[in-house]
Amino acid sequence: YAGRFTTDQGLRARVVARTTVPAKVRFEWSTQLNFANSHSSDASGYVKRASVAKGWLANLPANSLVYWRAVATTGAGGQASSPVHTLRTPPAAGQKITLAFGSCTDFNVPNPSFERAAARGADFFVHLGDFGYAAFGTRSAVSRTAGSYQDRWTRMLASSDVSSMTKKGFWIGCQDDQDYGRGDAWSGDHAKFTISAWDQLSGNLDQRYFAVRYGDAHLFFTDSCRFSDKRDSDTGDSMLGAKQKAWLKNAMLNSKAPVLVLFMPRQLSHVENNFKNEYDELVSFFKGRVRDGHAVLICSGNSHLQYMGQHPSAYTQEEAYEFCSSGTDRAGQRSIPTNAIKNREDGINAFGLVEIDRANNTLNLKSIGSDTGNVILEKTHSI
């Protein structure tokens, strides 16, 4: 799959492949489906234990549809190619962007969200944690290892459901508590082996917080567990941690993009309930960005619900929007909404779809039912 874009050495995309046997891997890309005039580069790293190869699609053209594939060659000369994937490189200003996101996705149940997201034209999917619940029900010594977690994550990524999305766009995965091996994981209580285990499969360049500019949107990815103090602690404590928070505020402050999208595995209500001072600080900061002419959207997860709201909650001209989408295909959840609470549905299989249309000055938020494909919740904001 393709992971994050970088612009430090021209426009590049990180790509990740896993082979069933040890092999030399190269990555090829072209703007033509028949791979005429293709570009090729060898994988720059190979994790032998996990059979994972990583490399770059380098010197990519902006605002283009790119076709790419991985080609593996064994020591005996056998060769195999992956299916052809497509990737939309960062679009020009004014062009519509469609992104999908979700969190808390069960293993060994159908996961139709990803295929539906691809069918609705999502340029990329962000999974905000609890990907297959690698920690859930794994109490024996053999199952509490890097290999067992990677096996679960690999099976998720290789499934026909998830790959239907990764063949059509890029994929960013963030860790939440179950991916860190603990319920309510925080900096002082997480399974340390999960960090390198995740990094070996990730297209995030081993970083827990980073930014990607994508057309009119600037995307900010954060971690809600790794740097967090224990919840219900002192009022001066933090979920983001000092370094991550300073990075986030500086990066958002210096962005010139009209739309700022912050991805957080945990809801802002979690911050408000457990780190009240930090919540007030963040909302005040977001309001400042809105005053400066930016739209601010927070995409969150973890809570097994679909929710659309704003911060501060009281009416103001300076509000940041929050869209929580969690419970993306879980066993025992509903398929049909109850409409019992305005702008909220609990325990329903769904994912979030965001359409950023700067040309028409609209930010459209839709919660899409995984089982039915119907719109469960919808809001449109002027930007």
Protein backbone atom coordinates (compact mmCIF):
# COMPACT_ATOMS: atom_id res chain seq x y z
CA TYR A 1 0.00 0.00 0.00
CA ALA A 2 0.99 3.63 -0.34
CA GLY A 3 1.52 5.63 2.84
CA ARG A 4 2.31 9.29 3.36
CA PHE A 5 3.60 11.84 0.88
CA THR A 6 6.71 13.91 1.52
CA THR A 7 8.20 16.88 -0.34
CA ASP A 8 11.71 16.94 1.15
CA GLN A 9 13.24 15.46 -2.03
CA GLY A 10 10.60 16.37 -4.57
CA LEU A 11 7.15 14.83 -4.32
CA ARG A 12 7.44 11.24 -3.07
CA ALA A 13 5.10 8.62 -1.63
CA ARG A 14 6.19 5.96 0.86
CA VAL A 15 5.15 2.47 -0.26
CA VAL A 16 5.07 -0.79 1.70
CA ALA A 17 4.96 -4.38 0.45
CA ARG A 18 5.03 -7.74 2.20
CA THR A 19 6.22 -10.92 0.51
CA THR A 20 5.42 -14.52 1.42
CA VAL A 21 9.08 -15.54 0.96
CA PRO A 22 12.31 -13.52 1.13
CA ALA A 23 12.70 -11.56 -2.09
CA LYS A 24 14.24 -8.47 -3.62
CA VAL A 25 11.52 -5.88 -4.22
CA ARG A 26 11.30 -2.94 -6.55
CA PHE A 27 8.50 -0.45 -7.03
CA GLU A 28 7.31 0.83 -10.41
CA TRP A 29 5.02 3.74 -11.25
CA SER A 30 3.66 5.39 -14.36
CA THR A 31 0.95 7.81 -15.37
CA GLN A 32 -0.16 5.22 -17.93
CA LEU A 33 -1.98 2.01 -17.09
CA ASN A 34 0.23 -0.03 -19.43
CA PHE A 35 3.29 1.28 -17.56
CA ALA A 36 4.77 2.86 -20.66
CA ASN A 37 7.57 5.25 -19.66
CA SER A 38 7.53 3.78 -16.16
CA HIS A 39 9.84 4.71 -13.31
CA SER A 40 11.43 2.05 -11.12
CA SER A 41 13.31 2.02 -7.81
CA ASP A 42 14.53 -0.71 -5.49
CA ALA A 43 13.15 -1.03 -2.00
CA SER A 44 15.36 0.96 0.33
CA GLY A 45 14.75 -1.26 3.34
CA TYR A 46 13.80 -4.86 3.98
CA VAL A 47 12.70 -6.21 7.36
CA LYS A 48 13.66 -9.86 6.96
CA ARG A 49 11.79 -11.09 10.02
CA ALA A 50 8.51 -9.55 8.84
CA SER A 51 9.21 -9.98 5.07
CA VAL A 52 8.37 -6.31 4.62
CA ALA A 53 9.95 -4.12 1.96
CA LYS A 54 9.63 -0.34 1.91
CA GLY A 55 10.54 2.12 -0.77
CA TRP A 56 9.55 5.30 -2.56
CA LEU A 57 7.59 6.36 -5.57
CA ALA A 58 9.88 9.27 -6.34
CA ASN A 59 9.67 12.37 -8.54
CA LEU A 60 5.91 12.13 -8.76
CA PRO A 61 3.96 14.69 -10.78
CA ALA A 62 1.50 16.78 -8.78
CA ASN A 63 -2.21 16.73 -9.53
CA SER A 64 -2.00 13.39 -11.36
CA LEU A 65 -3.36 9.87 -11.25
CA VAL A 66 -0.45 7.48 -10.83
CA TYR A 67 -0.42 3.72 -11.38
CA TRP A 68 2.02 1.71 -9.31
CA ARG A 69 2.97 -1.86 -8.40
CA ALA A 70 5.52 -3.89 -6.46
CA VAL A 71 7.65 -6.49 -8.24
CA ALA A 72 9.37 -9.20 -6.17
CA THR A 73 12.25 -11.38 -7.35
CA THR A 74 13.48 -14.38 -5.34
CA GLY A 75 17.07 -15.54 -5.12
CA ALA A 76 16.22 -18.37 -7.52
CA GLY A 77 14.93 -15.89 -10.10
CA GLY A 78 11.21 -16.33 -9.56
CA GLN A 79 9.22 -13.14 -10.06
CA ALA A 80 5.76 -11.93 -9.09
CA SER A 81 3.99 -8.59 -9.33
CA SER A 82 1.35 -7.11 -7.06
CA PRO A 83 -1.96 -5.92 -8.47
CA VAL A 84 -1.80 -2.46 -10.01
CA HIS A 85 -2.69 0.29 -7.54
CA THR A 86 -3.74 3.85 -8.24
CA LEU A 87 -2.75 6.96 -6.33
CA ARG A 88 -3.93 10.55 -6.72
CA THR A 89 -1.08 12.90 -5.99
CA PRO A 90 -1.81 16.21 -4.21
CA PRO A 91 -4.38 18.10 -6.30
CA ALA A 92 -4.27 21.70 -7.44
CA ALA A 93 -5.95 24.47 -5.48
CA GLY A 94 -9.71 24.50 -5.86
CA GLN A 95 -10.01 20.83 -6.76
CA LYS A 96 -12.33 18.72 -4.63
CA ILE A 97 -10.83 16.36 -2.06
CA THR A 98 -12.62 13.30 -0.70
CA LEU A 99 -11.24 11.55 2.35
CA ALA A 100 -12.56 8.67 4.43
CA PHE A 101 -11.75 7.67 7.97
CA GLY A 102 -12.82 5.32 10.72
CA SER A 103 -11.61 3.41 13.76
CA CYS A 104 -12.27 0.39 15.96
CA THR A 105 -12.53 -2.29 13.28
CA ASP A 106 -13.03 -5.93 14.24
CA PHE A 107 -11.09 -8.87 12.87
CA ASN A 108 -12.90 -11.87 11.39
CA VAL A 109 -16.07 -9.94 10.55
CA PRO A 110 -16.97 -8.40 7.20
CA ASN A 111 -15.42 -4.94 6.76
CA PRO A 112 -17.46 -3.36 3.94
CA SER A 113 -16.60 0.20 4.99
CA PHE A 114 -13.38 0.20 2.99
CA GLU A 115 -14.95 -0.97 -0.25
CA ARG A 116 -17.75 1.58 0.15
CA ALA A 117 -15.21 4.35 0.80
CA ALA A 118 -13.33 3.40 -2.38
CA ALA A 119 -16.59 3.31 -4.35
CA ARG A 120 -17.40 6.85 -3.18
CA GLY A 121 -14.11 8.07 -4.60
CA ALA A 122 -12.07 8.54 -1.42
CA ASP A 123 -8.56 9.73 -2.25
CA PHE A 124 -7.28 8.16 0.96
CA PHE A 125 -8.37 6.44 4.16
CA VAL A 126 -7.19 7.24 7.67
CA HIS A 127 -7.67 4.51 10.27
CA LEU A 128 -7.58 6.04 13.76
CA GLY A 129 -6.68 2.94 15.73
CA ASP A 130 -7.86 -0.38 17.18
CA PHE A 131 -7.14 -2.00 13.84
CA GLY A 132 -8.27 -5.59 14.23
CA TYR A 133 -7.97 -5.45 18.03
CA ALA A 134 -4.64 -7.25 18.17
CA ALA A 135 -4.61 -6.97 21.97
CA PHE A 136 -8.17 -8.14 22.53
CA GLY A 137 -8.43 -11.68 23.90
CA THR A 138 -4.68 -12.26 23.62
CA ARG A 139 -3.54 -13.21 27.08
CA SER A 140 -1.12 -16.08 26.46
CA ALA A 141 2.60 -15.42 26.26
CA VAL A 142 2.84 -16.46 22.61
CA SER A 143 0.09 -14.07 21.55
CA ARG A 144 1.61 -11.07 23.34
CA THR A 145 4.46 -10.73 20.85
CA ALA A 146 5.37 -8.50 17.95
CA GLY A 147 4.83 -11.38 15.54
CA SER A 148 1.28 -12.08 16.69
CA TYR A 149 0.29 -8.41 16.47
CA GLN A 150 1.86 -8.11 13.02
CA ASP A 151 0.03 -11.23 11.91
CA ARG A 152 -3.29 -9.65 12.88
CA TRP A 153 -2.48 -6.32 11.20
CA THR A 154 -1.17 -8.03 8.07
CA ARG A 155 -4.28 -10.15 7.73
CA MET A 156 -6.38 -7.00 8.03
CA LEU A 157 -4.35 -5.14 5.38
CA ALA A 158 -4.34 -8.13 3.03
CA SER A 159 -8.09 -8.72 3.26
CA SER A 160 -10.15 -8.08 0.15
CA ASP A 161 -12.15 -5.45 2.09
CA VAL A 162 -9.21 -3.27 3.14
CA SER A 163 -7.24 -3.81 -0.07
CA SER A 164 -10.20 -2.58 -2.11
CA MET A 165 -9.40 0.83 -0.59
CA THR A 166 -5.59 0.63 -0.60
CA LYS A 167 -5.67 -0.20 -4.32
CA LYS A 168 -7.44 3.10 -4.99
CA GLY A 169 -5.67 5.57 -2.70
CA PHE A 170 -3.18 6.05 0.09
CA TRP A 171 -3.56 4.74 3.63
CA ILE A 172 -2.56 6.25 6.95
CA GLY A 173 -2.88 4.13 10.09
CA CYS A 174 -2.65 5.57 13.62
CA GLN A 175 -2.33 3.56 16.82
CA ASP A 176 -4.85 3.67 19.65
CA ASP A 177 -4.83 1.84 22.99
CA GLN A 178 -5.53 -1.69 21.71
CA ASP A 179 -2.76 -1.31 19.11
CA TYR A 180 -0.45 -0.41 22.00
CA GLY A 181 -1.43 -3.57 23.87
CA ARG A 182 -3.34 -1.98 26.75
CA GLY A 183 -6.80 -0.71 27.41
CA ASP A 184 -6.52 3.07 28.01
CA ALA A 185 -2.82 2.93 27.17
CA TRP A 186 -0.73 5.95 28.12
CA SER A 187 2.96 6.86 28.21
CA GLY A 188 3.53 4.93 31.42
CA ASP A 189 1.57 1.82 30.47
CA HIS A 190 1.82 0.37 26.98
CA ALA A 191 3.45 -2.71 25.49
CA LYS A 192 6.75 -1.37 24.20
CA PHE A 193 7.14 -4.06 21.54
CA THR A 194 4.09 -2.68 19.75
CA ILE A 195 6.00 0.45 18.71
CA SER A 196 8.56 -1.27 16.49
CA ALA A 197 6.02 -3.89 15.42
CA TRP A 198 3.78 -1.13 14.10
CA ASP A 199 6.65 0.80 12.53
CA GLN A 200 7.79 -2.24 10.54
CA LEU A 201 4.44 -2.37 8.73
CA SER A 202 3.69 1.35 8.64
CA GLY A 203 4.05 3.90 5.86
CA ASN A 204 4.37 6.74 8.39
CA LEU A 205 8.20 6.89 8.43
CA ASP A 206 8.19 5.68 12.05
CA GLN A 207 6.66 8.96 13.21
CA ARG A 208 3.71 9.30 15.56
CA TYR A 209 2.92 12.89 14.62
CA PHE A 210 3.44 14.47 11.22
CA ALA A 211 1.72 16.63 8.58
CA VAL A 212 0.87 16.14 4.91
CA ARG A 213 -0.24 18.95 2.59
CA TYR A 214 -2.86 17.67 0.16
CA GLY A 215 -4.32 20.32 -2.12
CA ASP A 216 -6.46 22.80 -0.19
CA ALA A 217 -6.18 20.69 2.96
CA HIS A 218 -3.33 20.43 5.43
CA LEU A 219 -3.55 17.11 7.29
CA PHE A 220 -2.15 16.78 10.82
CA PHE A 221 -1.78 13.31 12.34
CA THR A 222 -1.37 12.87 16.09
CA ASP A 223 -1.07 10.18 18.76
CA SER A 224 -3.45 10.09 21.74
CA CYS A 225 -1.66 7.42 23.84
CA ARG A 226 2.12 7.31 23.41
CA PHE A 227 2.83 10.70 25.00
CA SER A 228 -0.21 10.97 27.25
CA ASP A 229 -0.28 11.34 30.99
CA LYS A 230 -2.60 9.01 32.86
CA ARG A 231 -6.18 10.16 32.50
CA ASP A 232 -8.03 11.64 35.50
CA SER A 233 -4.71 13.01 36.65
CA ASP A 234 -3.69 16.51 37.66
CA THR A 235 -5.21 19.48 35.86
CA GLY A 236 -1.82 20.44 34.43
CA ASP A 237 -1.34 17.10 32.68
CA SER A 238 -1.66 16.43 28.98
CA MET A 239 -2.93 13.88 26.49
CA LEU A 240 -0.72 15.13 23.66
CA GLY A 241 2.44 15.67 25.67
CA ALA A 242 4.52 18.83 25.57
CA LYS A 243 6.61 18.09 22.45
CA GLN A 244 3.74 16.79 20.32
CA LYS A 245 1.49 19.70 21.33
CA ALA A 246 4.17 22.28 20.59
CA TRP A 247 4.75 20.68 17.20
CA LEU A 248 1.02 20.65 16.42
CA LYS A 249 0.44 24.27 17.34
CA ASN A 250 3.51 25.43 15.43
CA ALA A 251 2.62 23.37 12.34
CA MET A 252 -0.99 24.56 12.28
CA LEU A 253 0.03 28.14 12.99
CA ASN A 254 2.40 28.19 10.03
CA SER A 255 0.05 26.51 7.57
CA LYS A 256 -1.32 28.58 4.70
CA ALA A 257 -3.87 25.94 3.67
CA PRO A 258 -7.51 27.10 3.78
CA VAL A 259 -8.64 23.88 5.50
CA LEU A 260 -6.81 22.37 8.49
CA VAL A 261 -7.73 18.76 9.29
CA LEU A 262 -6.53 17.30 12.59
CA PHE A 263 -6.69 13.52 13.04
CA MET A 264 -6.85 12.40 16.69
CA PRO A 265 -7.60 8.81 17.77
CA ARG A 266 -9.41 10.14 20.86
CA GLN A 267 -12.43 12.44 20.87
CA LEU A 268 -12.07 15.99 22.12
CA SER A 269 -14.61 15.06 24.81
CA HIS A 270 -11.96 12.67 26.15
CA VAL A 271 -9.57 15.60 26.44
CA GLU A 272 -12.24 17.77 28.04
CA ASN A 273 -13.19 15.11 30.61
CA ASN A 274 -9.66 14.10 31.54
CA PHE A 275 -7.38 17.01 30.66
CA LYS A 276 -9.64 20.04 30.98
CA ASN A 277 -6.90 22.67 30.90
CA GLU A 278 -5.50 21.21 27.71
CA TYR A 279 -8.96 21.08 26.14
CA ASP A 280 -9.49 24.79 26.84
CA GLU A 281 -6.02 25.55 25.47
CA LEU A 282 -6.68 23.63 22.24
CA VAL A 283 -10.12 25.13 21.65
CA SER A 284 -8.72 28.62 22.18
CA PHE A 285 -5.97 27.84 19.67
CA PHE A 286 -8.44 26.45 17.11
CA LYS A 287 -10.58 29.57 17.45
CA GLY A 288 -7.52 31.65 16.65
CA ARG A 289 -6.94 29.70 13.46
CA VAL A 290 -10.58 30.21 12.46
CA ARG A 291 -10.26 33.95 13.13
CA ASP A 292 -7.27 33.93 10.79
CA GLY A 293 -9.45 32.61 7.96
CA HIS A 294 -8.97 28.84 8.14
CA ALA A 295 -11.59 26.14 8.51
CA VAL A 296 -10.62 23.67 11.26
CA LEU A 297 -11.91 20.09 11.31
CA ILE A 298 -11.03 17.49 13.93
CA CYS A 299 -11.54 13.86 12.86
CA SER A 300 -11.59 11.53 15.88
CA GLY A 301 -12.42 7.95 16.86
CA ASN A 302 -12.29 5.48 19.76
CA SER A 303 -15.81 5.99 21.14
CA HIS A 304 -17.85 3.50 19.04
CA LEU A 305 -20.19 6.20 17.80
CA GLN A 306 -20.84 8.59 14.93
CA TYR A 307 -20.96 12.22 16.03
CA MET A 308 -20.83 15.69 14.49
CA GLY A 309 -20.37 18.76 16.66
CA GLN A 310 -18.37 21.90 17.18
CA HIS A 311 -16.05 23.49 19.73
CA PRO A 312 -16.90 25.57 21.59
CA SER A 313 -20.37 24.06 21.76
CA ALA A 314 -22.13 27.42 22.31
CA TYR A 315 -22.85 29.36 19.13
CA THR A 316 -19.92 31.45 17.94
CA GLN A 317 -18.49 32.63 14.65
CA GLU A 318 -15.18 31.02 15.61
CA GLU A 319 -15.90 27.32 15.92
CA ALA A 320 -13.88 24.26 15.06
CA TYR A 321 -15.84 21.28 13.78
CA GLU A 322 -15.46 17.75 15.12
CA PHE A 323 -16.47 14.58 13.30
CA CYS A 324 -16.09 11.36 15.27
CA SER A 325 -16.41 8.08 13.37
CA SER A 326 -15.78 4.95 15.41
CA GLY A 327 -17.06 1.39 15.27
CA THR A 328 -16.10 0.85 11.66
CA ASP A 329 -17.43 -2.70 11.25
CA ARG A 330 -17.70 -4.33 14.67
CA ALA A 331 -19.48 -7.49 15.74
CA GLY A 332 -22.81 -6.94 17.48
CA GLN A 333 -23.44 -3.41 16.22
CA ARG A 334 -26.54 -2.09 14.46
CA SER A 335 -26.97 -1.41 10.76
CA ILE A 336 -29.96 0.94 10.99
CA PRO A 337 -29.86 4.32 12.79
CA THR A 338 -32.24 5.08 15.64
CA ASN A 339 -32.30 8.87 15.16
CA ALA A 340 -32.70 9.10 18.94
CA ILE A 341 -30.02 11.78 19.47
CA LYS A 342 -29.43 14.71 17.15
CA ASN A 343 -26.12 14.51 15.26
CA ARG A 344 -25.17 11.25 17.00
CA GLU A 345 -25.58 7.50 16.53
CA ASP A 346 -24.09 4.99 18.98
CA GLY A 347 -23.03 1.42 18.22
CA ILE A 348 -23.60 1.44 14.47
CA ASN A 349 -21.38 0.14 11.67
CA ALA A 350 -20.27 3.22 9.74
CA PHE A 351 -17.34 5.29 8.52
CA GLY A 352 -16.73 8.98 7.98
CA LEU A 353 -16.59 10.66 4.58
CA VAL A 354 -15.36 14.25 4.21
CA GLU A 355 -15.66 16.27 1.00
CA ILE A 356 -13.61 19.46 0.84
CA ASP A 357 -14.75 21.66 -2.05
CA ARG A 358 -12.96 24.97 -1.85
CA ALA A 359 -14.21 26.03 -5.29
CA ASN A 360 -17.76 26.00 -3.89
CA ASN A 361 -16.68 26.93 -0.34
CA THR A 362 -18.23 23.83 1.24
CA LEU A 363 -17.10 21.26 3.77
CA ASN A 364 -19.46 18.28 3.60
CA LEU A 365 -19.44 15.65 6.37
CA LYS A 366 -21.22 12.33 5.93
CA SER A 367 -21.44 9.28 8.15
CA ILE A 368 -21.98 6.33 5.80
CA GLY A 369 -23.55 3.09 6.99
CA SER A 370 -21.14 0.24 6.31
CA ASP A 371 -23.84 -2.39 5.86
CA THR A 372 -26.31 -0.34 3.80
CA GLY A 373 -24.25 2.41 2.16
CA ASN A 374 -26.88 4.91 3.30
CA VAL A 375 -26.06 8.33 4.77
CA ILE A 376 -26.65 8.17 8.54
CA LEU A 377 -25.62 11.71 9.50
CA GLU A 378 -24.77 14.67 7.31
CA LYS A 379 -23.70 18.28 7.78
CA THR A 380 -22.49 20.88 5.34
CA HIS A 381 -20.46 23.88 6.50
CA SER A 382 -19.45 26.97 4.57
CA ILE A 383 -15.70 27.50 4.39
